[in-house]
Amino acid sequence: MTHNRPKPDDRSDNVEKLQDMVQNTIENIEEAQESMEFSNEQERQRIQAKNERREESIAAMREEIKDEASDRENGYQ
């Protein structure tokens, strides 16, 4: 019988992972903006709505980056 133990919480690279996620999301927004040029009105509205959700996600990720950086500075590794 094996015991499944949870992996230890490794937050050492969370800031970097979040920064990569922000950058990728920004690139997705830019690509979507470019595709709007070739889209019909319905598609443009859908893309705009999705980009608004992406902007909200970026704001949340940036807050999480601040929290993680603060935790790191305060000794959590």
N, C-alpha and C. Protein backbone atom coordinates (compact mmCIF):
# COMPACT_ATOMS: atom_id res chain seq x y z
N MET A 1 0.84 -1.18 0.00
CA MET A 1 0.00 0.00 0.00
C MET A 1 0.89 1.24 0.00
N THR A 2 0.69 2.07 -0.97
CA THR A 2 1.49 3.28 -1.04
C THR A 2 0.71 4.45 -0.45
N HIS A 3 1.44 5.35 0.12
CA HIS A 3 0.84 6.55 0.69
C HIS A 3 1.13 7.71 -0.24
N ASN A 4 0.08 8.34 -0.69
CA ASN A 4 0.25 9.52 -1.54
C ASN A 4 0.39 10.74 -0.66
N ARG A 5 1.56 11.30 -0.69
CA ARG A 5 1.82 12.50 0.10
C ARG A 5 1.85 13.70 -0.84
N PRO A 6 1.23 14.78 -0.42
CA PRO A 6 1.28 15.97 -1.27
C PRO A 6 2.70 16.50 -1.37
N LYS A 7 2.99 17.05 -2.53
CA LYS A 7 4.30 17.66 -2.70
C LYS A 7 4.39 18.91 -1.84
N PRO A 8 5.58 19.22 -1.35
CA PRO A 8 5.70 20.45 -0.57
C PRO A 8 5.40 21.67 -1.43
N ASP A 9 4.88 22.69 -0.80
CA ASP A 9 4.52 23.93 -1.49
C ASP A 9 5.80 24.67 -1.89
N ASP A 10 6.11 24.65 -3.18
CA ASP A 10 7.31 25.33 -3.67
C ASP A 10 6.88 26.60 -4.40
N ARG A 11 7.05 27.72 -3.73
CA ARG A 11 6.65 29.00 -4.30
C ARG A 11 7.86 29.80 -4.78
N SER A 12 9.00 29.17 -4.84
CA SER A 12 10.24 29.90 -5.12
C SER A 12 10.26 30.60 -6.47
N ASP A 13 9.53 30.06 -7.45
CA ASP A 13 9.56 30.67 -8.78
C ASP A 13 8.20 31.23 -9.21
N ASN A 14 7.31 31.43 -8.25
CA ASN A 14 5.98 31.93 -8.59
C ASN A 14 6.01 33.29 -9.27
N VAL A 15 6.87 34.19 -8.80
CA VAL A 15 6.94 35.53 -9.38
C VAL A 15 7.30 35.43 -10.86
N GLU A 16 8.31 34.62 -11.16
CA GLU A 16 8.75 34.48 -12.54
C GLU A 16 7.66 33.82 -13.41
N LYS A 17 7.00 32.82 -12.87
CA LYS A 17 5.92 32.16 -13.62
C LYS A 17 4.79 33.15 -13.90
N LEU A 18 4.43 33.93 -12.91
CA LEU A 18 3.37 34.92 -13.09
C LEU A 18 3.77 35.98 -14.11
N GLN A 19 5.02 36.41 -14.06
CA GLN A 19 5.48 37.40 -15.03
C GLN A 19 5.42 36.85 -16.45
N ASP A 20 5.77 35.58 -16.61
CA ASP A 20 5.66 34.94 -17.93
C ASP A 20 4.20 34.89 -18.38
N MET A 21 3.30 34.57 -17.44
CA MET A 21 1.88 34.51 -17.77
C MET A 21 1.36 35.88 -18.20
N VAL A 22 1.80 36.93 -17.51
CA VAL A 22 1.38 38.29 -17.88
C VAL A 22 1.86 38.60 -19.30
N GLN A 23 3.13 38.31 -19.57
CA GLN A 23 3.69 38.58 -20.89
C GLN A 23 2.95 37.82 -21.98
N ASN A 24 2.66 36.54 -21.73
CA ASN A 24 1.93 35.74 -22.71
C ASN A 24 0.53 36.29 -22.95
N THR A 25 -0.11 36.74 -21.90
CA THR A 25 -1.46 37.30 -22.03
C THR A 25 -1.44 38.60 -22.82
N ILE A 26 -0.43 39.42 -22.58
CA ILE A 26 -0.28 40.67 -23.35
C ILE A 26 -0.09 40.34 -24.83
N GLU A 27 0.73 39.35 -25.12
CA GLU A 27 0.94 38.95 -26.52
C GLU A 27 -0.36 38.44 -27.14
N ASN A 28 -1.15 37.71 -26.37
CA ASN A 28 -2.44 37.22 -26.88
C ASN A 28 -3.38 38.39 -27.19
N ILE A 29 -3.36 39.41 -26.35
CA ILE A 29 -4.19 40.59 -26.60
C ILE A 29 -3.76 41.26 -27.90
N GLU A 30 -2.46 41.42 -28.07
CA GLU A 30 -1.95 42.08 -29.27
C GLU A 30 -2.31 41.28 -30.53
N GLU A 31 -2.16 39.97 -30.46
CA GLU A 31 -2.51 39.13 -31.62
C GLU A 31 -4.01 39.22 -31.92
N ALA A 32 -4.82 39.24 -30.89
CA ALA A 32 -6.27 39.33 -31.08
C ALA A 32 -6.63 40.68 -31.69
N GLN A 33 -5.96 41.74 -31.24
CA GLN A 33 -6.22 43.07 -31.81
C GLN A 33 -5.91 43.07 -33.31
N GLU A 34 -4.81 42.45 -33.68
CA GLU A 34 -4.44 42.37 -35.09
C GLU A 34 -5.47 41.58 -35.88
N SER A 35 -6.01 40.51 -35.30
CA SER A 35 -6.98 39.69 -36.03
C SER A 35 -8.32 40.40 -36.20
N MET A 36 -8.58 41.40 -35.38
CA MET A 36 -9.84 42.13 -35.49
C MET A 36 -9.97 42.84 -36.84
N GLU A 37 -8.83 43.18 -37.42
CA GLU A 37 -8.83 43.85 -38.73
C GLU A 37 -9.52 43.01 -39.80
N PHE A 38 -9.46 41.69 -39.64
CA PHE A 38 -10.01 40.78 -40.64
C PHE A 38 -11.31 40.11 -40.17
N SER A 39 -11.90 40.63 -39.11
CA SER A 39 -13.07 40.00 -38.51
C SER A 39 -14.34 40.77 -38.82
N ASN A 40 -15.45 40.06 -38.76
CA ASN A 40 -16.74 40.73 -38.90
C ASN A 40 -17.12 41.35 -37.55
N GLU A 41 -18.21 42.08 -37.52
CA GLU A 41 -18.60 42.81 -36.31
C GLU A 41 -18.81 41.88 -35.12
N GLN A 42 -19.46 40.76 -35.34
CA GLN A 42 -19.72 39.81 -34.25
C GLN A 42 -18.40 39.27 -33.68
N GLU A 43 -17.49 38.92 -34.54
CA GLU A 43 -16.19 38.42 -34.08
C GLU A 43 -15.42 39.51 -33.35
N ARG A 44 -15.49 40.75 -33.85
CA ARG A 44 -14.80 41.85 -33.18
C ARG A 44 -15.34 42.05 -31.76
N GLN A 45 -16.63 41.96 -31.60
CA GLN A 45 -17.23 42.10 -30.27
C GLN A 45 -16.78 40.98 -29.34
N ARG A 46 -16.72 39.76 -29.88
CA ARG A 46 -16.27 38.62 -29.08
C ARG A 46 -14.80 38.79 -28.68
N ILE A 47 -13.98 39.22 -29.62
CA ILE A 47 -12.55 39.43 -29.34
C ILE A 47 -12.38 40.54 -28.30
N GLN A 48 -13.14 41.63 -28.45
CA GLN A 48 -13.04 42.74 -27.51
C GLN A 48 -13.42 42.29 -26.10
N ALA A 49 -14.49 41.50 -25.99
CA ALA A 49 -14.91 40.99 -24.68
C ALA A 49 -13.84 40.09 -24.07
N LYS A 50 -13.25 39.27 -24.90
CA LYS A 50 -12.20 38.37 -24.41
C LYS A 50 -10.98 39.17 -23.97
N ASN A 51 -10.63 40.19 -24.72
CA ASN A 51 -9.48 41.02 -24.34
C ASN A 51 -9.75 41.77 -23.04
N GLU A 52 -10.99 42.17 -22.81
CA GLU A 52 -11.33 42.82 -21.54
C GLU A 52 -11.13 41.85 -20.38
N ARG A 53 -11.52 40.60 -20.58
CA ARG A 53 -11.30 39.60 -19.53
C ARG A 53 -9.80 39.36 -19.34
N ARG A 54 -9.05 39.39 -20.43
CA ARG A 54 -7.59 39.23 -20.33
C ARG A 54 -6.98 40.37 -19.52
N GLU A 55 -7.45 41.59 -19.76
CA GLU A 55 -6.94 42.75 -19.01
C GLU A 55 -7.22 42.58 -17.51
N GLU A 56 -8.41 42.07 -17.18
CA GLU A 56 -8.74 41.82 -15.78
C GLU A 56 -7.82 40.76 -15.19
N SER A 57 -7.52 39.74 -15.96
CA SER A 57 -6.61 38.69 -15.50
C SER A 57 -5.21 39.25 -15.26
N ILE A 58 -4.77 40.11 -16.15
CA ILE A 58 -3.44 40.72 -16.00
C ILE A 58 -3.39 41.52 -14.70
N ALA A 59 -4.42 42.29 -14.43
CA ALA A 59 -4.45 43.08 -13.20
C ALA A 59 -4.38 42.16 -11.97
N ALA A 60 -5.12 41.06 -12.00
CA ALA A 60 -5.10 40.11 -10.88
C ALA A 60 -3.72 39.46 -10.75
N MET A 61 -3.12 39.09 -11.87
CA MET A 61 -1.79 38.47 -11.81
C MET A 61 -0.75 39.45 -11.28
N ARG A 62 -0.87 40.72 -11.65
CA ARG A 62 0.09 41.71 -11.15
C ARG A 62 -0.05 41.89 -9.64
N GLU A 63 -1.27 41.82 -9.13
CA GLU A 63 -1.48 41.89 -7.67
C GLU A 63 -0.85 40.66 -7.01
N GLU A 64 -1.02 39.51 -7.62
CA GLU A 64 -0.44 38.30 -7.07
C GLU A 64 1.09 38.36 -7.11
N ILE A 65 1.65 38.95 -8.16
CA ILE A 65 3.10 39.13 -8.23
C ILE A 65 3.58 39.97 -7.05
N LYS A 66 2.86 41.05 -6.77
CA LYS A 66 3.22 41.91 -5.63
C LYS A 66 3.20 41.11 -4.33
N ASP A 67 2.14 40.31 -4.14
CA ASP A 67 2.02 39.51 -2.93
C ASP A 67 3.16 38.50 -2.82
N GLU A 68 3.43 37.82 -3.91
CA GLU A 68 4.49 36.81 -3.90
C GLU A 68 5.86 37.45 -3.67
N ALA A 69 6.11 38.59 -4.30
CA ALA A 69 7.39 39.28 -4.11
C ALA A 69 7.54 39.73 -2.66
N SER A 70 6.45 40.22 -2.09
CA SER A 70 6.47 40.64 -0.68
C SER A 70 6.75 39.45 0.23
N ASP A 71 6.07 38.34 -0.03
CA ASP A 71 6.30 37.13 0.77
C ASP A 71 7.74 36.68 0.66
N ARG A 72 8.30 36.75 -0.55
CA ARG A 72 9.69 36.35 -0.77
C ARG A 72 10.63 37.24 0.04
N GLU A 73 10.37 38.54 0.01
CA GLU A 73 11.21 39.50 0.75
C GLU A 73 11.11 39.26 2.26
N ASN A 74 9.97 38.78 2.70
CA ASN A 74 9.75 38.56 4.12
C ASN A 74 10.18 37.17 4.58
N GLY A 75 10.91 36.48 3.73
CA GLY A 75 11.53 35.23 4.16
C GLY A 75 10.90 33.96 3.66
N TYR A 76 9.76 34.02 2.99
CA TYR A 76 9.19 32.79 2.46
C TYR A 76 9.91 32.42 1.17
N GLN A 77 10.40 31.22 1.11
CA GLN A 77 11.11 30.78 -0.08
C GLN A 77 10.37 29.65 -0.66
